C-alpha cells in the first residue's frame, strides 16, 4: 500500500542516506530506514495499522495531544518527546510533539506540524554527516531538540534579567508594558515546564535502559542528554523564581506608591474635614450666625479657618504623621 509521508530515507551506514521507494515499504527489511509521516493523514494511519505493531504502540503514535513518555516493547522502543517550534512567528513555549518508534533496522517518526530537529537531521544526512543507523538517528533528533530547548531557556533568562533592570527603575510600576511583558514571560515558563519536566524524566529512564535497539554508545549519549535536560529544568526553575521575585518587587513598588497616595489623601481629608464642618455651619441659613451682619465677617472667618489649618498641620507634624 502506498503511503504519503513527508519523506523516507535509507541509511547508507556512513552518515548519508538515499531516498526510499515508498511504493513498496516492507514490514521488515535488512535495510536501515527512516520514515517520517504526518499522523493526521488517514492513509498514513491505515498504513501504520498494517505494520503489525502493538495496539498500544499505534495508539500512542497517533495520539494528538500527549506528554513526553516512553515504554519498551520486545520489537522496539516508543518515545514521545517535545521540541521547540523555532519558526519566527511561533511562541517560545510552543512545543511540538515528535512520536518515535525505534527498531533495529527502522525508525518511524510522526508529527503533524514541522519539527525543526527533523529538518536539521535530514540536512545532515544529505551532507553525509548524519546518523548511521536508526538508533543513532533517534539520538540525533533528541540532541537537536534538547539544543533548541537550551537556547529557548537562555533567551528566557535574558528576558528575566532585562525585565528586572526595568523594574528597578523608579517609575517602572507606572509602565504597563513592564507588567504585561513580565506576565507573558511567566506564562511562557509555565508552558515550557509543562513538557520539559516529564521530558527530563523520560531521559532519566532512557539513560539506563538495556534494550537490543540501543547500543552502549547510545546510552552514553542519553546520559549526556539527561544531564543537559536536568540543567535546562534547573535553569527554567531559576528563571521562574527570578521572575516571581521580580513580580513581587513590582507589586511592592506599586503598593508603596498606592499607600503614599492614600496617605496624602488621608492628610488632606483630616485637614479639610474640620474646615468643611465650620464652613457648613456658618453657611446655615438661620439667624444668630456670628458676623452675619458684619461686612468684615468673610475675612474674619477665612482668617479663622487659616489659623485652624495651621494648627492642624503643626499637630500632625508634631505627631510625625508626615
C-alpha atoms as a PDB file:
ATOM      1  CA  UNK A   1       0.000   0.000   0.000  1.00  0.00           C
ATOM      2  CA  UNK A   2       1.372   3.421  -0.934  1.00  0.00           C
ATOM      3  CA  UNK A   3       1.770   5.980   1.824  1.00  0.00           C
ATOM      4  CA  UNK A   4       2.160   9.732   1.741  1.00  0.00           C
ATOM      5  CA  UNK A   5       4.906  10.570   4.235  1.00  0.00           C
ATOM      6  CA  UNK A   6       6.929  13.720   4.278  1.00  0.00           C
ATOM      7  CA  UNK A   7       9.939  11.612   3.337  1.00  0.00           C
ATOM      8  CA  UNK A   8      11.539   8.212   3.555  1.00  0.00           C
ATOM      9  CA  UNK A   9      15.283   7.539   3.644  1.00  0.00           C
ATOM     10  CA  UNK A  10      17.592   4.543   3.639  1.00  0.00           C
ATOM     11  CA  UNK A  11      20.765   4.886   5.729  1.00  0.00           C
ATOM     12  CA  UNK A  12      23.992   4.017   3.956  1.00  0.00           C
ATOM     13  CA  UNK A  13      25.791   3.355   7.250  1.00  0.00           C
ATOM     14  CA  UNK A  14      28.339   6.100   6.576  1.00  0.00           C
ATOM     15  CA  UNK A  15      26.408   9.185   7.665  1.00  0.00           C
ATOM     16  CA  UNK A  16      24.428   9.602   4.476  1.00  0.00           C
ATOM     17  CA  UNK A  17      21.103   8.389   3.113  1.00  0.00           C
ATOM     18  CA  UNK A  18      19.206   7.976  -0.124  1.00  0.00           C
ATOM     19  CA  UNK A  19      15.525   8.268  -0.950  1.00  0.00           C
ATOM     20  CA  UNK A  20      13.340   5.287  -0.089  1.00  0.00           C
ATOM     21  CA  UNK A  21      10.940   3.791  -2.627  1.00  0.00           C
ATOM     22  CA  UNK A  22       7.676   4.367  -0.809  1.00  0.00           C
ATOM     23  CA  UNK A  23       5.513   2.371  -3.191  1.00  0.00           C
ATOM     24  CA  UNK A  24       6.636  -0.858  -1.532  1.00  0.00           C
ATOM     25  CA  UNK A  25       7.749  -0.375   2.027  1.00  0.00           C
ATOM     26  CA  UNK A  26       8.299  -3.809   3.581  1.00  0.00           C
ATOM     27  CA  UNK A  27       7.288  -4.517   7.160  1.00  0.00           C
ATOM     28  CA  UNK A  28      10.714  -5.992   7.775  1.00  0.00           C
ATOM     29  CA  UNK A  29      13.867  -5.390   5.826  1.00  0.00           C
ATOM     30  CA  UNK A  30      17.594  -5.750   6.080  1.00  0.00           C
ATOM     31  CA  UNK A  31      17.891  -2.140   5.000  1.00  0.00           C
ATOM     32  CA  UNK A  32      18.064   0.507   7.717  1.00  0.00           C
ATOM     33  CA  UNK A  33      15.466   3.191   7.064  1.00  0.00           C
ATOM     34  CA  UNK A  34      13.846   6.326   8.433  1.00  0.00           C
ATOM     35  CA  UNK A  35      10.242   7.149   7.582  1.00  0.00           C
ATOM     36  CA  UNK A  36       8.680  10.406   8.718  1.00  0.00           C
ATOM     37  CA  UNK A  37       4.912  10.796   8.301  1.00  0.00           C
ATOM     38  CA  UNK A  38       2.015  13.037   9.214  1.00  0.00           C
ATOM     39  CA  UNK A  39      -0.064  11.128  11.756  1.00  0.00           C
ATOM     40  CA  UNK A  40      -3.230  13.033  10.824  1.00  0.00           C
ATOM     41  CA  UNK A  41      -3.172  11.743   7.258  1.00  0.00           C
ATOM     42  CA  UNK A  42      -5.806   8.982   7.027  1.00  0.00           C
ATOM     43  CA  UNK A  43      -3.787   6.956   4.513  1.00  0.00           C
ATOM     44  CA  UNK A  44      -0.789   7.049   6.824  1.00  0.00           C
ATOM     45  CA  UNK A  45      -2.952   5.893   9.721  1.00  0.00           C
ATOM     46  CA  UNK A  46      -4.203   2.920   7.709  1.00  0.00           C
ATOM     47  CA  UNK A  47      -0.654   2.071   6.618  1.00  0.00           C
ATOM     48  CA  UNK A  48       0.545   2.254  10.204  1.00  0.00           C
ATOM     49  CA  UNK A  49      -2.122  -0.207  11.325  1.00  0.00           C
ATOM     50  CA  UNK A  50      -0.886  -2.713   8.728  1.00  0.00           C
ATOM     51  CA  UNK A  51       2.641  -2.748  10.124  1.00  0.00           C
ATOM     52  CA  UNK A  52       1.724  -5.349  12.756  1.00  0.00           C
ATOM     53  CA  UNK A  53       2.607  -3.072  15.628  1.00  0.00           C
ATOM     54  CA  UNK A  54       1.215  -3.430  19.116  1.00  0.00           C
ATOM     55  CA  UNK A  55      -2.134  -1.677  19.549  1.00  0.00           C
ATOM     56  CA  UNK A  56      -0.754   0.369  22.410  1.00  0.00           C
ATOM     57  CA  UNK A  57       2.154   1.492  20.249  1.00  0.00           C
ATOM     58  CA  UNK A  58      -0.180   2.566  17.437  1.00  0.00           C
ATOM     59  CA  UNK A  59      -2.440   4.347  19.906  1.00  0.00           C
ATOM     60  CA  UNK A  60       0.473   6.389  21.265  1.00  0.00           C
ATOM     61  CA  UNK A  61       1.896   7.077  17.820  1.00  0.00           C
ATOM     62  CA  UNK A  62      -1.445   8.527  16.703  1.00  0.00           C
ATOM     63  CA  UNK A  63      -2.211  10.400  19.920  1.00  0.00           C
ATOM     64  CA  UNK A  64      -2.539  14.093  19.035  1.00  0.00           C
ATOM     65  CA  UNK A  65      -2.022  15.570  22.488  1.00  0.00           C
ATOM     66  CA  UNK A  66       0.458  13.653  24.583  1.00  0.00           C
ATOM     67  CA  UNK A  67       3.139  14.460  27.120  1.00  0.00           C
ATOM     68  CA  UNK A  68       6.677  13.090  26.778  1.00  0.00           C
ATOM     69  CA  UNK A  69       6.656   9.382  27.533  1.00  0.00           C
ATOM     70  CA  UNK A  70       8.492   6.131  26.938  1.00  0.00           C
ATOM     71  CA  UNK A  71       7.819   2.429  27.053  1.00  0.00           C
ATOM     72  CA  UNK A  72       9.735  -0.516  25.597  1.00  0.00           C
ATOM     73  CA  UNK A  73       8.408  -3.452  23.634  1.00  0.00           C
ATOM     74  CA  UNK A  74      10.195  -6.600  22.570  1.00  0.00           C
ATOM     75  CA  UNK A  75      10.359  -5.386  18.991  1.00  0.00           C
ATOM     76  CA  UNK A  76      11.381  -1.797  19.677  1.00  0.00           C
ATOM     77  CA  UNK A  77      11.034   1.311  21.824  1.00  0.00           C
ATOM     78  CA  UNK A  78       8.372   4.001  21.662  1.00  0.00           C
ATOM     79  CA  UNK A  79       9.406   7.501  22.721  1.00  0.00           C
ATOM     80  CA  UNK A  80       7.384  10.725  22.605  1.00  0.00           C
ATOM     81  CA  UNK A  81       9.243  13.985  23.093  1.00  0.00           C
ATOM     82  CA  UNK A  82       8.580  17.654  22.530  1.00  0.00           C
ATOM     83  CA  UNK A  83      10.694  20.108  20.574  1.00  0.00           C
ATOM     84  CA  UNK A  84      10.658  23.907  20.413  1.00  0.00           C
ATOM     85  CA  UNK A  85       8.939  25.406  17.399  1.00  0.00           C
ATOM     86  CA  UNK A  86      11.710  27.673  16.087  1.00  0.00           C
ATOM     87  CA  UNK A  87       9.630  29.447  13.439  1.00  0.00           C
ATOM     88  CA  UNK A  88       9.763  33.240  13.725  1.00  0.00           C
ATOM     89  CA  UNK A  89       6.009  33.566  14.248  1.00  0.00           C
ATOM     90  CA  UNK A  90       5.907  30.864  16.939  1.00  0.00           C
ATOM     91  CA  UNK A  91       5.859  31.469  20.666  1.00  0.00           C
ATOM     92  CA  UNK A  92       8.879  30.336  22.620  1.00  0.00           C
ATOM     93  CA  UNK A  93       6.736  27.959  24.686  1.00  0.00           C
ATOM     94  CA  UNK A  94       5.223  26.298  21.599  1.00  0.00           C
ATOM     95  CA  UNK A  95       6.463  22.712  21.833  1.00  0.00           C
ATOM     96  CA  UNK A  96       5.695  20.299  19.001  1.00  0.00           C
ATOM     97  CA  UNK A  97       5.315  16.586  19.736  1.00  0.00           C
ATOM     98  CA  UNK A  98       7.501  14.083  17.914  1.00  0.00           C
ATOM     99  CA  UNK A  99       6.378  10.448  18.173  1.00  0.00           C
ATOM    100  CA  UNK A 100       9.183   7.942  17.559  1.00  0.00           C
ATOM    101  CA  UNK A 101       9.173   4.173  17.153  1.00  0.00           C
ATOM    102  CA  UNK A 102      12.709   2.791  17.061  1.00  0.00           C
ATOM    103  CA  UNK A 103      13.502  -0.717  15.845  1.00  0.00           C
ATOM    104  CA  UNK A 104      16.803  -2.349  14.984  1.00  0.00           C
ATOM    105  CA  UNK A 105      16.587  -1.518  11.275  1.00  0.00           C
ATOM    106  CA  UNK A 106      13.916   1.147  11.174  1.00  0.00           C
ATOM    107  CA  UNK A 107      12.832   4.350  12.850  1.00  0.00           C
ATOM    108  CA  UNK A 108       9.367   5.824  12.358  1.00  0.00           C
ATOM    109  CA  UNK A 109       8.802   9.434  13.334  1.00  0.00           C
ATOM    110  CA  UNK A 110       5.375  11.042  13.308  1.00  0.00           C
ATOM    111  CA  UNK A 111       4.249  14.617  13.671  1.00  0.00           C
ATOM    112  CA  UNK A 112       1.612  16.898  12.238  1.00  0.00           C
ATOM    113  CA  UNK A 113       3.470  20.190  12.382  1.00  0.00           C
ATOM    114  CA  UNK A 114       7.010  20.804  11.114  1.00  0.00           C
ATOM    115  CA  UNK A 115       9.753  19.717  13.520  1.00  0.00           C
ATOM    116  CA  UNK A 116      12.993  21.754  13.330  1.00  0.00           C
ATOM    117  CA  UNK A 117      15.003  18.792  14.625  1.00  0.00           C
ATOM    118  CA  UNK A 118      13.734  16.589  11.785  1.00  0.00           C
ATOM    119  CA  UNK A 119      14.792  19.146   9.186  1.00  0.00           C
ATOM    120  CA  UNK A 120      18.206  19.515  10.834  1.00  0.00           C
ATOM    121  CA  UNK A 121      18.973  15.783  10.961  1.00  0.00           C
ATOM    122  CA  UNK A 122      17.693  15.279   7.431  1.00  0.00           C
ATOM    123  CA  UNK A 123      20.002  18.038   6.165  1.00  0.00           C
ATOM    124  CA  UNK A 124      22.940  16.343   7.906  1.00  0.00           C
ATOM    125  CA  UNK A 125      22.116  13.094   6.110  1.00  0.00           C
ATOM    126  CA  UNK A 126      22.073  14.918   2.783  1.00  0.00           C
ATOM    127  CA  UNK A 127      25.557  16.257   3.551  1.00  0.00           C
ATOM    128  CA  UNK A 128      26.800  12.798   4.533  1.00  0.00           C
ATOM    129  CA  UNK A 129      27.486  13.804   8.148  1.00  0.00           C
ATOM    130  CA  UNK A 130      24.321  12.455   9.734  1.00  0.00           C
ATOM    131  CA  UNK A 131      23.456   9.364  11.809  1.00  0.00           C
ATOM    132  CA  UNK A 132      24.454   5.926  10.572  1.00  0.00           C
ATOM    133  CA  UNK A 133      21.572   3.871  11.974  1.00  0.00           C
ATOM    134  CA  UNK A 134      18.002   4.224  13.283  1.00  0.00           C
ATOM    135  CA  UNK A 135      19.161   4.333  16.909  1.00  0.00           C
ATOM    136  CA  UNK A 136      21.758   6.979  16.018  1.00  0.00           C
ATOM    137  CA  UNK A 137      19.006   8.910  14.229  1.00  0.00           C
ATOM    138  CA  UNK A 138      16.916   8.820  17.402  1.00  0.00           C
ATOM    139  CA  UNK A 139      19.839  10.153  19.430  1.00  0.00           C
ATOM    140  CA  UNK A 140      20.491  12.917  16.878  1.00  0.00           C
ATOM    141  CA  UNK A 141      16.848  14.014  16.925  1.00  0.00           C
ATOM    142  CA  UNK A 142      16.734  14.182  20.717  1.00  0.00           C
ATOM    143  CA  UNK A 143      20.066  16.025  20.853  1.00  0.00           C
ATOM    144  CA  UNK A 144      18.873  18.699  18.438  1.00  0.00           C
ATOM    145  CA  UNK A 145      15.574  19.117  20.314  1.00  0.00           C
ATOM    146  CA  UNK A 146      17.489  19.479  23.579  1.00  0.00           C
ATOM    147  CA  UNK A 147      19.779  22.061  21.987  1.00  0.00           C
ATOM    148  CA  UNK A 148      16.772  24.136  20.892  1.00  0.00           C
ATOM    149  CA  UNK A 149      15.286  23.865  24.384  1.00  0.00           C
ATOM    150  CA  UNK A 150      18.522  25.130  25.937  1.00  0.00           C
ATOM    151  CA  UNK A 151      18.574  28.088  23.535  1.00  0.00           C
ATOM    152  CA  UNK A 152      14.964  28.936  24.374  1.00  0.00           C
ATOM    153  CA  UNK A 153      15.620  28.856  28.117  1.00  0.00           C
ATOM    154  CA  UNK A 154      18.715  31.017  27.649  1.00  0.00           C
ATOM    155  CA  UNK A 155      16.526  33.627  25.913  1.00  0.00           C
ATOM    156  CA  UNK A 156      14.019  33.472  28.757  1.00  0.00           C
ATOM    157  CA  UNK A 157      16.772  34.034  31.319  1.00  0.00           C
ATOM    158  CA  UNK A 158      17.968  37.062  29.365  1.00  0.00           C
ATOM    159  CA  UNK A 159      14.407  38.440  29.248  1.00  0.00           C
ATOM    160  CA  UNK A 160      14.036  37.991  33.002  1.00  0.00           C
ATOM    161  CA  UNK A 161      17.285  39.884  33.613  1.00  0.00           C
ATOM    162  CA  UNK A 162      16.191  42.675  31.281  1.00  0.00           C
ATOM    163  CA  UNK A 163      12.799  42.991  32.973  1.00  0.00           C
ATOM    164  CA  UNK A 164      14.454  43.053  36.399  1.00  0.00           C
ATOM    165  CA  UNK A 165      16.565  46.031  35.311  1.00  0.00           C
ATOM    166  CA  UNK A 166      13.438  47.790  34.072  1.00  0.00           C
ATOM    167  CA  UNK A 167      11.582  47.081  37.319  1.00  0.00           C
ATOM    168  CA  UNK A 168      14.425  48.656  39.330  1.00  0.00           C
ATOM    169  CA  UNK A 169      13.757  51.960  37.582  1.00  0.00           C
ATOM    170  CA  UNK A 170      11.866  54.451  39.852  1.00  0.00           C
ATOM    171  CA  UNK A 171       8.727  54.794  37.727  1.00  0.00           C
ATOM    172  CA  UNK A 172       8.574  51.193  36.459  1.00  0.00           C
ATOM    173  CA  UNK A 173       5.286  50.497  38.250  1.00  0.00           C
ATOM    174  CA  UNK A 174       3.600  53.091  36.033  1.00  0.00           C
ATOM    175  CA  UNK A 175       4.753  51.300  32.863  1.00  0.00           C
ATOM    176  CA  UNK A 176       2.027  48.892  31.724  1.00  0.00           C
ATOM    177  CA  UNK A 177       4.386  47.235  29.239  1.00  0.00           C
ATOM    178  CA  UNK A 178       6.663  46.016  32.035  1.00  0.00           C
ATOM    179  CA  UNK A 179       3.799  44.310  33.839  1.00  0.00           C
ATOM    180  CA  UNK A 180       2.412  42.787  30.629  1.00  0.00           C
ATOM    181  CA  UNK A 181       5.823  41.544  29.497  1.00  0.00           C
ATOM    182  CA  UNK A 182       6.506  40.010  32.877  1.00  0.00           C
ATOM    183  CA  UNK A 183       3.124  38.274  32.874  1.00  0.00           C
ATOM    184  CA  UNK A 184       3.706  36.883  29.383  1.00  0.00           C
ATOM    185  CA  UNK A 185       7.165  35.682  30.352  1.00  0.00           C
ATOM    186  CA  UNK A 186       5.857  33.802  33.375  1.00  0.00           C
ATOM    187  CA  UNK A 187       3.227  32.227  31.129  1.00  0.00           C
ATOM    188  CA  UNK A 188       5.989  31.026  28.790  1.00  0.00           C
ATOM    189  CA  UNK A 189       7.885  29.475  31.689  1.00  0.00           C
ATOM    190  CA  UNK A 190       4.792  27.592  32.844  1.00  0.00           C
ATOM    191  CA  UNK A 191       4.196  26.366  29.279  1.00  0.00           C
ATOM    192  CA  UNK A 192       7.744  25.069  28.943  1.00  0.00           C
ATOM    193  CA  UNK A 193       7.768  23.339  32.337  1.00  0.00           C
ATOM    194  CA  UNK A 194       4.577  21.513  31.419  1.00  0.00           C
ATOM    195  CA  UNK A 195       6.513  19.340  28.968  1.00  0.00           C
ATOM    196  CA  UNK A 196      10.128  19.830  29.940  1.00  0.00           C
ATOM    197  CA  UNK A 197       9.897  18.201  33.380  1.00  0.00           C
ATOM    198  CA  UNK A 198       8.379  14.929  32.077  1.00  0.00           C
ATOM    199  CA  UNK A 199      10.832  15.022  29.160  1.00  0.00           C
ATOM    200  CA  UNK A 200      13.713  15.153  31.621  1.00  0.00           C
ATOM    201  CA  UNK A 201      12.189  12.182  33.459  1.00  0.00           C
ATOM    202  CA  UNK A 202      11.959  10.229  30.198  1.00  0.00           C
ATOM    203  CA  UNK A 203      15.639  10.899  29.507  1.00  0.00           C
ATOM    204  CA  UNK A 204      16.447   9.818  33.060  1.00  0.00           C
ATOM    205  CA  UNK A 205      14.858   6.422  32.432  1.00  0.00           C
ATOM    206  CA  UNK A 206      16.282   6.008  28.927  1.00  0.00           C
ATOM    207  CA  UNK A 207      19.871   6.601  30.038  1.00  0.00           C
ATOM    208  CA  UNK A 208      19.925   3.268  31.882  1.00  0.00           C
ATOM    209  CA  UNK A 209      17.670   1.207  29.622  1.00  0.00           C
ATOM    210  CA  UNK A 210      19.030  -2.104  28.383  1.00  0.00           C
ATOM    211  CA  UNK A 211      17.422  -2.932  25.063  1.00  0.00           C
ATOM    212  CA  UNK A 212      18.716  -4.572  21.867  1.00  0.00           C
ATOM    213  CA  UNK A 213      17.756  -1.448  19.915  1.00  0.00           C
ATOM    214  CA  UNK A 214      20.102   0.811  21.909  1.00  0.00           C
ATOM    215  CA  UNK A 215      23.858   0.416  21.885  1.00  0.00           C
ATOM    216  CA  UNK A 216      26.186   1.278  24.735  1.00  0.00           C
ATOM    217  CA  UNK A 217      27.220   4.388  22.833  1.00  0.00           C
ATOM    218  CA  UNK A 218      23.565   5.375  22.556  1.00  0.00           C
ATOM    219  CA  UNK A 219      23.183   5.037  26.325  1.00  0.00           C
ATOM    220  CA  UNK A 220      26.220   7.236  26.873  1.00  0.00           C
ATOM    221  CA  UNK A 221      24.664   9.925  24.667  1.00  0.00           C
ATOM    222  CA  UNK A 222      21.360   9.565  26.532  1.00  0.00           C
ATOM    223  CA  UNK A 223      23.178  10.191  29.812  1.00  0.00           C
ATOM    224  CA  UNK A 224      24.566  13.426  28.377  1.00  0.00           C
ATOM    225  CA  UNK A 225      21.112  14.388  27.112  1.00  0.00           C
ATOM    226  CA  UNK A 226      19.643  13.738  30.540  1.00  0.00           C
ATOM    227  CA  UNK A 227      22.255  15.971  32.171  1.00  0.00           C
ATOM    228  CA  UNK A 228      21.512  18.722  29.642  1.00  0.00           C
ATOM    229  CA  UNK A 229      17.761  18.440  30.234  1.00  0.00           C
ATOM    230  CA  UNK A 230      18.256  18.365  34.005  1.00  0.00           C
ATOM    231  CA  UNK A 231      20.295  21.565  33.789  1.00  0.00           C
ATOM    232  CA  UNK A 232      17.657  23.079  31.494  1.00  0.00           C
ATOM    233  CA  UNK A 233      14.965  22.357  34.077  1.00  0.00           C
ATOM    234  CA  UNK A 234      17.127  23.876  36.819  1.00  0.00           C
ATOM    235  CA  UNK A 235      17.699  26.991  34.712  1.00  0.00           C
ATOM    236  CA  UNK A 236      13.981  27.203  33.977  1.00  0.00           C
ATOM    237  CA  UNK A 237      13.153  26.867  37.669  1.00  0.00           C
ATOM    238  CA  UNK A 238      15.696  29.575  38.419  1.00  0.00           C
ATOM    239  CA  UNK A 239      14.101  31.822  35.794  1.00  0.00           C
ATOM    240  CA  UNK A 240      10.684  31.111  37.308  1.00  0.00           C
ATOM    241  CA  UNK A 241      11.877  32.027  40.808  1.00  0.00           C
ATOM    242  CA  UNK A 242      13.660  35.086  39.429  1.00  0.00           C
ATOM    243  CA  UNK A 243      10.521  36.234  37.634  1.00  0.00           C
ATOM    244  CA  UNK A 244       8.473  35.674  40.792  1.00  0.00           C
ATOM    245  CA  UNK A 245      10.837  37.875  42.801  1.00  0.00           C
ATOM    246  CA  UNK A 246      10.713  40.495  40.044  1.00  0.00           C
ATOM    247  CA  UNK A 247       6.907  40.365  40.086  1.00  0.00           C
ATOM    248  CA  UNK A 248       6.903  40.778  43.863  1.00  0.00           C
ATOM    249  CA  UNK A 249       9.258  43.745  43.572  1.00  0.00           C
ATOM    250  CA  UNK A 250       6.965  45.353  41.000  1.00  0.00           C
ATOM    251  CA  UNK A 251       3.902  44.713  43.179  1.00  0.00           C
ATOM    252  CA  UNK A 252       5.735  46.107  46.192  1.00  0.00           C
ATOM    253  CA  UNK A 253       6.602  49.331  44.363  1.00  0.00           C
ATOM    254  CA  UNK A 254       3.012  49.625  43.194  1.00  0.00           C
ATOM    255  CA  UNK A 255       1.707  49.111  46.737  1.00  0.00           C
ATOM    256  CA  UNK A 256       4.155  51.652  48.135  1.00  0.00           C
ATOM    257  CA  UNK A 257       3.027  54.215  45.576  1.00  0.00           C
ATOM    258  CA  UNK A 258      -0.601  53.451  46.338  1.00  0.00           C
ATOM    259  CA  UNK A 259      -0.020  53.727  50.084  1.00  0.00           C
ATOM    260  CA  UNK A 260       1.731  57.064  49.635  1.00  0.00           C
ATOM    261  CA  UNK A 261      -1.186  58.341  47.588  1.00  0.00           C
ATOM    262  CA  UNK A 262      -3.690  57.136  50.172  1.00  0.00           C
ATOM    263  CA  UNK A 263      -1.556  58.670  52.909  1.00  0.00           C
ATOM    264  CA  UNK A 264      -1.596  62.103  51.252  1.00  0.00           C
ATOM    265  CA  UNK A 265      -5.326  61.834  50.676  1.00  0.00           C
ATOM    266  CA  UNK A 266      -5.842  60.929  54.347  1.00  0.00           C
ATOM    267  CA  UNK A 267      -3.907  64.026  55.446  1.00  0.00           C
ATOM    268  CA  UNK A 268      -5.961  66.198  53.109  1.00  0.00           C
ATOM    269  CA  UNK A 269      -9.179  64.711  54.498  1.00  0.00           C
ATOM    270  CA  UNK A 270      -8.029  65.209  58.114  1.00  0.00           C
ATOM    271  CA  UNK A 271      -7.194  68.857  57.398  1.00  0.00           C
ATOM    272  CA  UNK A 272     -10.306  69.770  55.463  1.00  0.00           C
ATOM    273  CA  UNK A 273     -12.917  67.872  57.457  1.00  0.00           C
ATOM    274  CA  UNK A 274     -12.995  70.412  60.356  1.00  0.00           C
ATOM    275  CA  UNK A 275     -12.843  73.293  57.880  1.00  0.00           C
ATOM    276  CA  UNK A 276     -15.731  71.839  55.918  1.00  0.00           C
ATOM    277  CA  UNK A 277     -17.705  71.460  59.104  1.00  0.00           C
ATOM    278  CA  UNK A 278     -17.106  75.070  60.095  1.00  0.00           C
ATOM    279  CA  UNK A 279     -17.926  76.489  56.664  1.00  0.00           C
ATOM    280  CA  UNK A 280     -21.034  74.341  56.562  1.00  0.00           C
ATOM    281  CA  UNK A 281     -22.067  75.541  59.984  1.00  0.00           C
ATOM    282  CA  UNK A 282     -21.574  79.210  59.122  1.00  0.00           C
ATOM    283  CA  UNK A 283     -23.329  78.686  55.830  1.00  0.00           C
ATOM    284  CA  UNK A 284     -26.567  77.548  57.506  1.00  0.00           C
ATOM    285  CA  UNK A 285     -29.450  79.811  56.539  1.00  0.00           C
ATOM    286  CA  UNK A 286     -30.626  80.588  60.072  1.00  0.00           C
ATOM    287  CA  UNK A 287     -30.467  83.560  62.411  1.00  0.00           C
ATOM    288  CA  UNK A 288     -27.785  84.065  65.017  1.00  0.00           C
ATOM    289  CA  UNK A 289     -24.808  83.227  62.783  1.00  0.00           C
ATOM    290  CA  UNK A 290     -21.742  85.141  64.086  1.00  0.00           C
ATOM    291  CA  UNK A 291     -20.586  88.018  61.875  1.00  0.00           C
ATOM    292  CA  UNK A 292     -23.697  87.536  59.739  1.00  0.00           C
ATOM    293  CA  UNK A 293     -24.311  91.283  59.633  1.00  0.00           C
ATOM    294  CA  UNK A 294     -20.655  92.338  59.767  1.00  0.00           C
ATOM    295  CA  UNK A 295     -19.094  93.429  56.443  1.00  0.00           C
ATOM    296  CA  UNK A 296     -15.775  92.025  57.644  1.00  0.00           C
ATOM    297  CA  UNK A 297     -17.332  88.649  58.536  1.00  0.00           C
ATOM    298  CA  UNK A 298     -15.993  86.781  55.497  1.00  0.00           C
ATOM    299  CA  UNK A 299     -12.399  87.873  56.110  1.00  0.00           C
ATOM    300  CA  UNK A 300     -12.658  87.075  59.826  1.00  0.00           C
ATOM    301  CA  UNK A 301     -13.970  83.555  59.112  1.00  0.00           C
ATOM    302  CA  UNK A 302     -11.342  82.976  56.381  1.00  0.00           C
ATOM    303  CA  UNK A 303      -8.571  84.060  58.776  1.00  0.00           C
ATOM    304  CA  UNK A 304     -10.051  81.823  61.466  1.00  0.00           C
ATOM    305  CA  UNK A 305     -10.060  78.821  59.086  1.00  0.00           C
ATOM    306  CA  UNK A 306      -6.481  79.546  58.029  1.00  0.00           C
ATOM    307  CA  UNK A 307      -5.431  79.587  61.683  1.00  0.00           C
ATOM    308  CA  UNK A 308      -7.154  76.233  62.301  1.00  0.00           C
ATOM    309  CA  UNK A 309      -5.418  74.709  59.248  1.00  0.00           C
ATOM    310  CA  UNK A 310      -2.019  75.835  60.515  1.00  0.00           C
ATOM    311  CA  UNK A 311      -2.818  74.445  63.961  1.00  0.00           C
ATOM    312  CA  UNK A 312      -3.774  71.087  62.428  1.00  0.00           C
ATOM    313  CA  UNK A 313      -0.590  70.967  60.339  1.00  0.00           C
ATOM    314  CA  UNK A 314       1.552  71.708  63.375  1.00  0.00           C
ATOM    315  CA  UNK A 315      -0.193  68.993  65.390  1.00  0.00           C
ATOM    316  CA  UNK A 316       0.235  66.418  62.573  1.00  0.00           C
ATOM    317  CA  UNK A 317       3.879  67.437  62.224  1.00  0.00           C
ATOM    318  CA  UNK A 318       4.446  67.002  65.941  1.00  0.00           C
ATOM    319  CA  UNK A 319       2.811  63.559  65.775  1.00  0.00           C
ATOM    320  CA  UNK A 320       5.200  62.742  62.884  1.00  0.00           C
ATOM    321  CA  UNK A 321       2.414  61.810  60.524  1.00  0.00           C
ATOM    322  CA  UNK A 322       4.454  63.360  57.727  1.00  0.00           C
END
